[in-house]
Protein backbone atom coordinates (compact mmCIF):
# COMPACT_ATOMS: atom_id res chain seq x y z
CA MET A 1 -16.21 -72.55 13.60
CA LEU A 2 -16.98 -73.78 10.09
CA THR A 3 -14.42 -75.67 8.00
CA VAL A 4 -14.80 -75.66 4.26
CA VAL A 5 -13.17 -78.41 2.22
CA LEU A 6 -12.64 -77.77 -1.49
CA HIS A 7 -12.00 -80.51 -4.01
CA LEU A 8 -10.36 -79.15 -7.18
CA LEU A 9 -10.80 -81.01 -10.37
CA ASP A 10 -8.50 -80.52 -13.35
CA VAL A 11 -10.27 -79.96 -16.63
CA ASN A 12 -8.45 -81.33 -19.62
CA ASP A 13 -8.61 -78.11 -21.64
CA ASN A 14 -4.99 -77.89 -22.82
CA GLY A 15 -3.57 -79.90 -25.65
CA PRO A 16 0.09 -80.99 -25.70
CA GLU A 17 2.59 -79.02 -27.78
CA PRO A 18 6.23 -79.62 -28.79
CA ASP A 19 9.26 -77.65 -27.68
CA PRO A 20 11.17 -76.43 -29.64
CA ARG A 21 9.11 -75.79 -32.74
CA MET A 22 12.06 -75.30 -35.08
CA PHE A 23 15.39 -77.03 -35.60
CA THR A 24 18.19 -77.54 -38.14
CA VAL A 25 19.25 -80.87 -39.64
CA CYS A 26 21.81 -82.07 -42.17
CA THR A 27 20.71 -82.88 -45.70
CA TYR A 28 22.17 -86.42 -45.44
CA ASN A 29 22.52 -88.88 -42.54
CA ALA A 30 20.51 -86.52 -40.33
CA GLU A 31 20.29 -87.27 -36.64
CA ALA A 32 16.98 -87.56 -34.82
CA GLN A 33 15.70 -84.36 -33.23
CA MET A 34 14.16 -84.61 -29.76
CA LEU A 35 11.11 -82.45 -29.11
CA ASN A 36 9.93 -82.23 -25.50
CA ILE A 37 6.16 -82.27 -25.06
CA ILE A 38 4.55 -79.70 -22.78
CA ASP A 39 1.04 -79.95 -21.34
CA LEU A 40 -0.35 -77.38 -18.89
CA ASP A 41 -2.86 -79.84 -17.46
CA ARG A 42 -2.23 -82.08 -14.47
CA PRO A 43 -2.12 -85.89 -14.38
CA PRO A 44 -3.85 -87.96 -15.54
CA ASN A 45 -4.45 -85.45 -18.37
CA THR A 46 -0.81 -85.36 -19.39
CA PHE A 47 1.69 -88.09 -20.34
CA PRO A 48 2.22 -90.61 -21.72
CA PHE A 49 1.74 -88.79 -25.02
CA ARG A 50 1.32 -90.06 -28.53
CA ALA A 51 2.35 -88.49 -31.81
CA GLU A 52 1.52 -88.84 -35.49
CA LEU A 53 2.31 -86.98 -38.71
CA THR A 54 -0.32 -85.50 -41.01
CA ASN A 55 -0.59 -83.56 -44.29
CA GLU A 56 1.82 -85.86 -46.12
CA SER A 57 4.64 -85.14 -43.66
CA ALA A 58 4.93 -88.90 -43.03
CA ALA A 59 6.32 -89.34 -46.57
CA THR A 60 9.49 -87.46 -45.63
CA TRP A 61 9.70 -87.67 -41.83
CA ASP A 62 9.40 -90.33 -39.16
CA VAL A 63 8.26 -89.79 -35.55
CA HIS A 64 8.26 -91.99 -32.49
CA MET A 65 8.09 -91.46 -28.73
CA ASN A 66 10.73 -92.06 -26.09
CA GLU A 67 10.28 -94.75 -23.45
CA LYS A 68 8.51 -92.47 -20.94
CA GLY A 69 6.24 -90.97 -23.56
CA THR A 70 7.33 -87.41 -22.73
CA ALA A 71 9.25 -86.51 -25.88
CA ALA A 72 8.89 -87.03 -29.63
CA LEU A 73 11.83 -87.94 -31.88
CA LEU A 74 11.73 -86.60 -35.45
CA LYS A 75 14.05 -87.89 -38.18
CA PRO A 76 14.03 -87.64 -41.99
CA ARG A 77 13.25 -90.84 -43.86
CA ILE A 78 15.36 -89.81 -46.88
CA ASP A 79 18.22 -87.47 -47.73
CA LEU A 80 16.85 -83.95 -47.89
CA ASN A 81 17.38 -81.12 -50.30
CA GLU A 82 18.77 -77.92 -48.84
CA GLY A 83 15.87 -75.67 -47.80
CA TYR A 84 12.96 -75.29 -45.38
CA TYR A 85 10.38 -77.91 -44.37
CA HIS A 86 7.05 -77.67 -42.55
CA ILE A 87 6.24 -80.74 -40.46
CA TYR A 88 2.62 -81.21 -39.35
CA LEU A 89 2.79 -82.95 -35.96
CA ARG A 90 -0.34 -84.02 -34.08
CA LEU A 91 0.10 -84.82 -30.38
CA PHE A 92 -2.30 -86.65 -28.01
CA ASP A 93 -2.28 -86.68 -24.22
CA ASN A 94 -3.28 -89.61 -21.99
CA GLN A 95 -6.96 -88.67 -22.36
CA ASN A 96 -6.71 -88.29 -26.17
CA LYS A 97 -6.80 -84.50 -26.03
CA GLU A 98 -5.06 -83.51 -29.25
CA ARG A 99 -3.35 -80.49 -30.76
CA LEU A 100 -1.90 -79.99 -34.24
CA THR A 101 1.36 -78.06 -34.38
CA VAL A 102 3.53 -77.06 -37.37
CA VAL A 103 7.23 -77.66 -36.72
CA ASN A 104 9.71 -75.82 -38.96
CA ALA A 105 12.88 -77.61 -40.02
CA THR A 106 15.88 -76.21 -41.92
CA ALA A 107 18.03 -78.62 -43.94
CA CYS A 108 21.58 -77.53 -44.75
CA VAL A 109 24.84 -79.04 -45.98
CA CYS A 110 26.91 -80.17 -43.00
CA SER A 111 30.65 -80.63 -42.65
CA ARG A 112 31.79 -84.23 -42.17
CA SER A 113 33.81 -83.55 -39.01
CA THR A 114 31.37 -81.51 -36.90
CA ARG A 115 28.04 -82.69 -38.37
CA ARG A 116 26.91 -79.08 -38.25
CA CYS A 117 25.88 -76.69 -40.98
CA ALA A 118 28.97 -75.72 -42.97
CA GLY A 119 29.65 -71.96 -42.82
CA LYS A 120 26.95 -71.31 -40.26
CA GLY A 121 29.38 -69.78 -37.76
CA ASP A 122 31.34 -68.01 -40.52
CA THR A 123 28.23 -66.29 -41.80
CA ALA A 124 27.34 -64.97 -38.37
CA PHE A 125 30.88 -63.75 -37.83
CA GLY A 126 31.32 -62.28 -41.31
CA LEU A 127 28.15 -60.19 -41.40
CA PRO A 128 29.38 -57.52 -38.93
CA ILE A 129 32.68 -57.32 -40.82
CA ILE A 130 30.90 -56.81 -44.14
CA LEU A 131 28.73 -54.07 -42.63
CA ALA A 132 31.81 -52.38 -41.15
CA ILE A 133 33.55 -52.41 -44.54
CA LEU A 134 30.51 -50.91 -46.26
CA VAL A 135 30.26 -48.14 -43.65
CA SER A 136 33.99 -47.38 -44.00
CA VAL A 137 33.77 -47.16 -47.79
CA LYS A 138 30.76 -44.87 -47.54
CA GLY A 139 32.58 -42.60 -45.09
CA LEU A 140 35.65 -42.44 -47.35
CA LEU A 141 33.57 -41.51 -50.39
CA THR A 142 31.78 -38.81 -48.38
CA LEU A 143 35.13 -37.35 -47.24
CA LEU A 144 36.53 -37.30 -50.78
CA PHE A 145 33.39 -35.59 -52.07
CA PHE A 146 33.61 -32.96 -49.32
CA LEU A 147 37.27 -32.25 -50.12
CA TRP A 148 36.39 -31.91 -53.79
CA LEU A 149 33.68 -29.36 -52.98
CA VAL A 150 36.10 -27.34 -50.83
CA LYS A 151 38.91 -27.40 -53.37
CA LYS A 152 36.79 -26.54 -56.42
CA PRO A 153 36.03 -22.85 -55.47
CA LEU A 154 39.73 -22.25 -54.68
CA LEU A 155 40.74 -23.42 -58.13
CA LEU A 156 38.18 -21.17 -59.73
CA ALA A 157 39.40 -18.20 -57.68
CA VAL A 158 43.03 -18.71 -58.77
CA ASP A 159 42.38 -19.52 -62.40
CA GLY A 160 39.60 -16.98 -62.90
CA PRO A 161 41.65 -13.75 -63.42
CA ARG A 162 43.85 -15.41 -66.00
CA ASN A 163 40.88 -15.64 -68.31
CA ASN A 164 40.58 -11.82 -68.22
CA LEU A 165 44.20 -11.19 -69.24
CA CYS A 166 44.97 -10.67 -72.91
CA HIS A 167 47.89 -9.49 -75.00
CA ASN A 168 47.51 -6.89 -77.69
CA GLY A 169 50.18 -7.37 -80.35
CA LYS A 170 49.28 -4.14 -82.09
CA ALA A 171 51.26 -0.99 -81.45
CA GLY A 172 50.61 2.54 -82.56
CA ARG A 173 49.90 6.06 -81.41
CA GLY A 174 46.72 6.31 -79.40
CA VAL A 175 46.01 2.59 -79.21
CA ASP A 176 44.22 1.74 -75.94
CA ASP A 177 44.49 -1.85 -74.74
CA GLN A 178 41.21 -2.16 -72.85
CA GLY A 179 41.47 -5.94 -72.41
CA TYR A 180 44.69 -5.84 -70.39
CA LYS A 181 43.47 -5.39 -66.81
CA LEU A 182 46.43 -4.41 -64.70
CA ASN A 183 44.52 -4.47 -61.45
CA HIS A 184 44.75 -8.26 -61.55
CA LEU A 185 48.53 -8.03 -61.50
CA HIS A 186 48.42 -6.24 -58.13
CA ARG A 187 46.73 -9.19 -56.46
CA ARG A 188 49.00 -10.80 -53.81
CA LEU A 189 51.87 -8.47 -54.91
CA ASP A 190 51.74 -6.00 -52.03
CA SER A 191 55.46 -6.39 -51.32
CA ARG A 192 56.49 -5.68 -54.91
CA PRO A 193 57.11 -2.30 -56.56
CA GLU A 194 54.05 -0.21 -57.11
CA ILE A 195 52.67 -0.30 -60.63
CA LEU A 196 51.42 2.92 -62.15
CA CYS A 197 49.34 2.82 -65.23
CA ASN A 198 48.13 5.54 -67.50
CA ASP A 199 45.37 4.25 -69.71
CA ASP A 200 44.50 7.70 -71.10
CA PRO A 201 46.16 8.03 -74.51
CA THR A 202 45.54 11.80 -74.57
CA LEU A 203 48.00 12.33 -71.66
CA MET A 204 50.84 10.56 -73.43
CA ALA A 205 53.12 12.56 -75.71
CA ALA A 206 54.21 11.03 -78.96
CA PRO A 207 57.92 10.12 -79.04
CA PRO A 208 60.18 12.04 -81.40
CA ASN A 209 60.73 8.96 -83.49
CA ASP A 210 57.38 7.55 -84.48
CA ASP A 211 58.44 3.98 -83.96
CA PRO A 212 55.45 1.66 -83.28
CA GLY A 213 57.66 -0.75 -81.34
CA GLU A 214 58.45 1.86 -78.69
CA ILE A 215 54.86 2.85 -77.95
CA SER A 216 53.41 1.54 -74.71
CA ASN A 217 50.38 2.38 -72.55
CA CYS A 218 51.93 1.51 -69.18
CA ILE A 219 55.01 2.98 -67.43
CA TYR A 220 56.51 1.01 -64.60
CA VAL A 221 58.23 3.04 -61.92
CA ASN A 222 60.28 1.40 -59.16
CA GLU A 223 60.24 3.33 -55.95
C-alpha cells in the first residue's frame, strides 16, 4: 500500500481589496468610515495590511489602519462640498502584494440630531407617492377624454336636425316651403297625434277669400 503525502503551497496571487467600496458621509464633521480588507490568500500572504492614498486623494482624505491591521479607516481632512468623490486607495498585504481600488464616497448635508443625510428617508418614501399621484392624474385625464368622445356624437345627433329646420315668413297661393322638413318633427313623437302633410300645392284649393295670412301648406289632424 502506497501513501502519498501532498504539501500545498499558497501562491500570493490575490491582492487585498476594501469592503464596502462606497459610503456616505456628512459634509462637515464627518465620522471615519471603516473599510474591511479582504484577501483570498492564506497567511502569511494576508494581514497585517497597509494602506495609502494616491492620485491626489490624500489632499482631501486621510487613511490609517486599525490595531490588528485588518481594516482601513477613511475620514475627510476638510469640510466637503455636497457631491460625489472618488478615493484612490492602494492596499498592501503582509508580502507587499498590492491592489489599487477606487472607493466612491457621497457627501451630503446631515441633520444635527441624527448625523445622517437630511431628507434621505423622505426621498425614498416620497418617490412611490409621487409616482402614484402621476398615475392617478393620467388615469383621470384618460377617463375625461373618453367621456368627451362618447358625449360628442350624442350632442351632434340631437342638435343636427335643428340646423335643417327653417321658417318661411312668406305666404301666398302656391308657395312651397321646401326647407321645412316635417319628418324631423316626427322623431321621438310616436305617442303624439299623427301629422299629415301635403306638400303638393296643386292638390290644395284656394280659399274663397284670398287672404295670404290664411294660406298654409300643412294641415294637422288629431285622431
